[in-house]
Protein backbone atom coordinates (compact mmCIF):
# COMPACT_ATOMS: atom_id res chain seq x y z
CA MET A 1 -32.15 36.72 -75.53
CA ASN A 2 -31.35 33.06 -74.84
CA ARG A 3 -29.17 31.73 -72.04
CA LEU A 4 -26.02 31.54 -74.16
CA GLU A 5 -26.34 35.21 -75.09
CA LEU A 6 -26.59 36.11 -71.39
CA LEU A 7 -23.44 34.19 -70.48
CA GLY A 8 -21.05 36.62 -72.22
CA PRO A 9 -22.03 39.73 -70.19
CA MET A 10 -22.24 37.65 -67.00
CA ILE A 11 -18.72 36.30 -67.48
CA VAL A 12 -17.39 39.82 -68.12
CA CYS A 13 -19.17 41.01 -64.98
CA LEU A 14 -17.81 38.13 -62.86
CA VAL A 15 -14.27 38.74 -64.12
CA ALA A 16 -14.59 42.44 -63.29
CA ILE A 17 -15.87 41.61 -59.78
CA GLY A 18 -13.00 39.16 -59.33
CA LEU A 19 -10.44 41.76 -60.35
CA CYS A 20 -11.92 44.34 -57.99
CA ALA A 21 -11.99 41.82 -55.13
CA SER A 22 -8.39 40.87 -55.83
CA LEU A 23 -7.29 44.51 -55.73
CA VAL A 24 -9.21 45.13 -52.51
CA LEU A 25 -7.83 42.00 -50.83
CA ARG A 26 -4.32 42.95 -51.88
CA ALA A 27 -4.72 46.47 -50.45
CA VAL A 28 -6.34 45.41 -47.15
CA PRO A 29 -3.36 43.47 -45.74
CA GLU A 30 -1.08 46.41 -46.54
CA ALA A 31 -3.46 48.77 -44.74
CA VAL A 32 -3.79 46.35 -41.82
CA ALA A 33 -0.02 45.87 -41.68
CA SER A 34 0.53 49.60 -41.74
CA ASP A 35 -2.05 50.16 -39.01
CA GLY A 36 -0.71 47.17 -37.07
CA ARG A 37 2.77 48.67 -37.12
CA SER A 38 1.44 51.97 -35.79
CA VAL A 39 -0.37 50.15 -33.00
CA SER A 40 2.74 48.10 -32.24
CA LEU A 41 4.99 51.17 -32.16
CA ALA A 42 2.59 53.01 -29.84
CA ALA A 43 2.53 49.98 -27.53
CA PHE A 44 6.32 49.79 -27.49
CA ALA A 45 6.56 53.51 -26.65
CA ARG A 46 4.45 52.80 -23.56
CA ILE A 47 6.61 49.80 -22.64
CA ASP A 48 9.75 51.87 -23.13
CA GLU A 49 8.61 54.35 -20.48
CA VAL A 50 9.02 51.47 -18.03
CA LEU A 51 12.24 50.07 -19.51
CA THR A 52 13.96 53.44 -19.03
CA SER A 53 12.84 53.91 -15.42
CA PRO A 54 15.37 53.39 -12.60
CA ARG A 55 13.48 50.31 -11.39
CA CYS A 56 14.38 48.52 -14.62
CA GLN A 57 17.65 50.21 -15.54
CA ASN A 58 19.27 49.53 -12.15
CA CYS A 59 19.29 45.79 -12.92
CA HIS A 60 19.38 46.04 -16.74
CA THR A 61 22.75 47.74 -16.57
CA LEU A 62 25.81 47.44 -18.78
CA SER A 63 28.12 47.92 -15.80
CA ASP A 64 29.90 45.24 -13.74
CA PHE A 65 27.79 46.20 -10.73
CA PRO A 66 24.13 46.74 -9.93
CA ARG A 67 22.84 50.25 -9.44
CA GLN A 68 20.59 51.56 -6.68
CA GLY A 69 18.08 54.29 -6.01
CA ASP A 70 16.29 56.70 -8.27
CA ASP A 71 19.65 58.39 -8.96
CA ARG A 72 21.08 55.02 -10.12
CA HIS A 73 24.27 55.20 -8.05
CA PRO A 74 26.58 52.15 -7.93
CA HIS A 75 25.52 49.52 -5.39
CA LEU A 76 27.01 50.16 -1.97
CA PHE A 77 29.65 47.84 -0.47
CA ASN A 78 31.32 47.33 -3.85
CA VAL A 79 28.79 44.67 -4.85
CA MET A 80 29.72 43.20 -8.23
CA ARG A 81 27.86 41.40 -11.03
CA GLY A 82 29.77 38.13 -10.78
CA PRO A 83 30.06 35.54 -13.55
CA ASP A 84 26.33 34.79 -13.84
CA GLY A 85 24.70 38.03 -12.66
CA HIS A 86 23.96 36.56 -9.20
CA GLY A 87 26.86 38.32 -7.48
CA ALA A 88 30.54 37.65 -6.95
CA SER A 89 31.81 34.52 -5.30
CA GLY A 90 31.29 34.85 -1.55
CA LEU A 91 28.83 37.73 -1.94
CA ALA A 92 25.87 36.42 -3.90
CA CYS A 93 22.80 38.65 -4.28
CA ALA A 94 20.87 36.21 -2.06
CA THR A 95 23.26 37.00 0.82
CA CYS A 96 21.25 40.16 1.46
CA HIS A 97 18.24 40.01 -0.87
CA GLY A 98 15.47 37.67 0.19
CA ARG A 99 12.24 36.63 -1.50
CA ALA A 100 10.47 39.83 -0.39
CA ASN A 101 11.28 43.37 0.68
CA ASN A 102 12.72 43.62 4.19
CA ALA A 103 10.70 46.36 5.84
CA ALA A 104 13.12 46.76 8.77
CA SER A 105 16.28 47.24 6.73
CA GLY A 106 14.78 48.57 3.51
CA VAL A 107 16.63 45.90 1.50
CA PRO A 108 14.48 44.97 -1.50
CA GLY A 109 13.79 41.40 -2.47
CA ALA A 110 11.89 39.10 -4.81
CA ASP A 111 12.21 35.54 -6.06
CA ASP A 112 15.49 34.92 -7.93
CA TRP A 113 16.97 38.38 -7.28
CA HIS A 114 19.85 39.01 -9.72
CA LEU A 115 21.14 41.27 -12.46
CA ALA A 116 19.86 40.92 -16.00
CA PRO A 117 22.46 39.49 -18.40
CA ARG A 118 24.80 42.11 -19.83
CA GLY A 119 23.26 41.47 -23.28
CA MET A 120 20.00 42.82 -21.85
CA GLY A 121 21.62 45.97 -20.50
CA TRP A 122 19.73 49.02 -21.77
CA GLU A 123 21.38 52.11 -20.31
CA GLY A 124 22.39 54.62 -22.94
CA LEU A 125 20.71 52.74 -25.81
CA ALA A 126 18.35 54.46 -28.25
CA PRO A 127 14.76 53.14 -28.28
CA ALA A 128 15.30 51.26 -31.57
CA LEU A 129 18.23 49.32 -30.14
CA ARG A 130 16.53 48.76 -26.79
CA CYS A 131 13.55 47.29 -28.66
CA ALA A 132 15.77 45.13 -30.86
CA HIS A 133 17.60 43.76 -27.80
CA LEU A 134 14.32 43.04 -26.04
CA LYS A 135 13.15 40.69 -28.78
CA ASP A 136 16.54 39.28 -29.81
CA ALA A 137 16.50 35.64 -28.64
CA SER A 138 20.31 35.55 -28.59
CA ARG A 139 20.22 38.31 -25.94
CA ASN A 140 16.98 37.69 -24.04
CA GLY A 141 17.50 34.11 -22.89
CA GLY A 142 15.97 32.50 -25.98
CA ARG A 143 12.53 34.02 -25.41
CA ASP A 144 9.92 34.45 -28.12
CA GLY A 145 7.05 36.93 -27.73
CA ALA A 146 4.97 34.67 -25.46
CA ALA A 147 7.98 33.93 -23.26
CA ILE A 148 8.76 37.65 -22.99
CA ILE A 149 5.23 38.20 -21.65
CA ASP A 150 5.69 35.30 -19.22
CA HIS A 151 8.92 36.91 -17.98
CA LEU A 152 7.16 40.23 -17.47
CA LYS A 153 4.67 38.42 -15.21
CA THR A 154 7.37 37.09 -12.87
CA ALA A 155 7.70 38.28 -9.27
CA LEU A 156 11.10 39.79 -10.09
CA VAL A 157 9.62 42.13 -12.72
CA ALA A 158 6.43 42.81 -10.74
CA TRP A 159 8.61 43.87 -7.80
CA ALA A 160 9.32 47.18 -9.57
CA TRP A 161 5.78 48.31 -8.74
CA GLN A 162 6.11 47.21 -5.09
CA ALA A 163 9.65 48.39 -4.54
CA GLY A 164 9.25 49.76 -1.02
CA GLY A 165 11.91 52.10 0.34
CA ASP A 166 15.60 52.08 1.09
CA ALA A 167 17.23 51.84 4.51
CA ARG A 168 16.61 55.56 5.09
CA LYS A 169 12.90 55.00 4.41
CA ARG A 170 12.92 56.90 1.15
CA PRO A 171 10.40 55.34 -1.24
CA ARG A 172 11.64 53.98 -4.54
CA THR A 173 9.72 55.57 -7.40
CA PRO A 174 7.73 52.94 -9.30
CA PRO A 175 7.74 52.87 -13.11
CA PRO A 176 5.57 55.60 -14.67
CA VAL A 177 3.05 53.15 -16.20
CA PRO A 178 0.78 51.05 -13.94
CA TYR A 179 1.70 47.36 -13.98
CA ASP A 180 -1.57 46.08 -15.51
CA GLU A 181 -1.36 48.74 -18.23
CA PHE A 182 2.28 47.80 -18.87
CA LEU A 183 1.33 44.14 -19.33
CA ARG A 184 -1.51 45.07 -21.70
CA ALA A 185 0.86 47.23 -23.75
CA ALA A 186 3.42 44.40 -23.87
CA GLU A 187 0.80 41.89 -25.04
CA LEU A 188 -0.46 44.35 -27.65
CA TRP A 189 3.11 44.96 -28.85
CA VAL A 190 3.79 41.24 -29.25
CA ASN A 191 0.42 40.46 -30.82
CA SER A 192 0.68 43.33 -33.32
CA GLY A 193 4.06 42.25 -34.68
CA ALA A 194 6.55 43.51 -32.05
CA ALA A 195 7.55 46.46 -34.25
CA CYS A 196 10.59 48.53 -33.32
CA PRO A 197 11.15 52.24 -33.97
CA GLU A 198 13.46 53.22 -36.79
CA ALA A 199 17.07 53.83 -35.78
CA ASN A 200 18.03 57.49 -35.83
């Protein structure tokens, strides 16, 4: 058999290999995407355990006032949201809340203490909607995935895990997921596509 006679079977073989490779490469991204979505959804479920805890929901409220305590009662002294979430005129959040917890009074504090914007209020929302709001730039202050992670690393968010106690020395229950694990889950969620659960 000369070289020309060998070319025919070789070309057929190369075409067959090419077709197989094409089919495999086409299937792999779908499998990866499917698996990536599962990973992303599992990560969000872990994040959502924190988002629904009183430490987050008290400030991420839909009401005109902050909430307090593990029972999420309205803030004492008729404290109100105000036009920018930093309290009403004459009674800004910073009037009482400093840059750190006040051990003597039990008043909590962290840098830039304020309510989350109403658009980031989560109480009563289903997980799918809570997730959608979290990554909606028109609601979350224009943040993309990286900026969401940066926000979660701020002192104001980290405070939830160092919340101290109230004036009657009752401890505030921290979120149910340790802070470092929460950050890892958030990074995994963002890096795996920031998938949201299906709406029910």
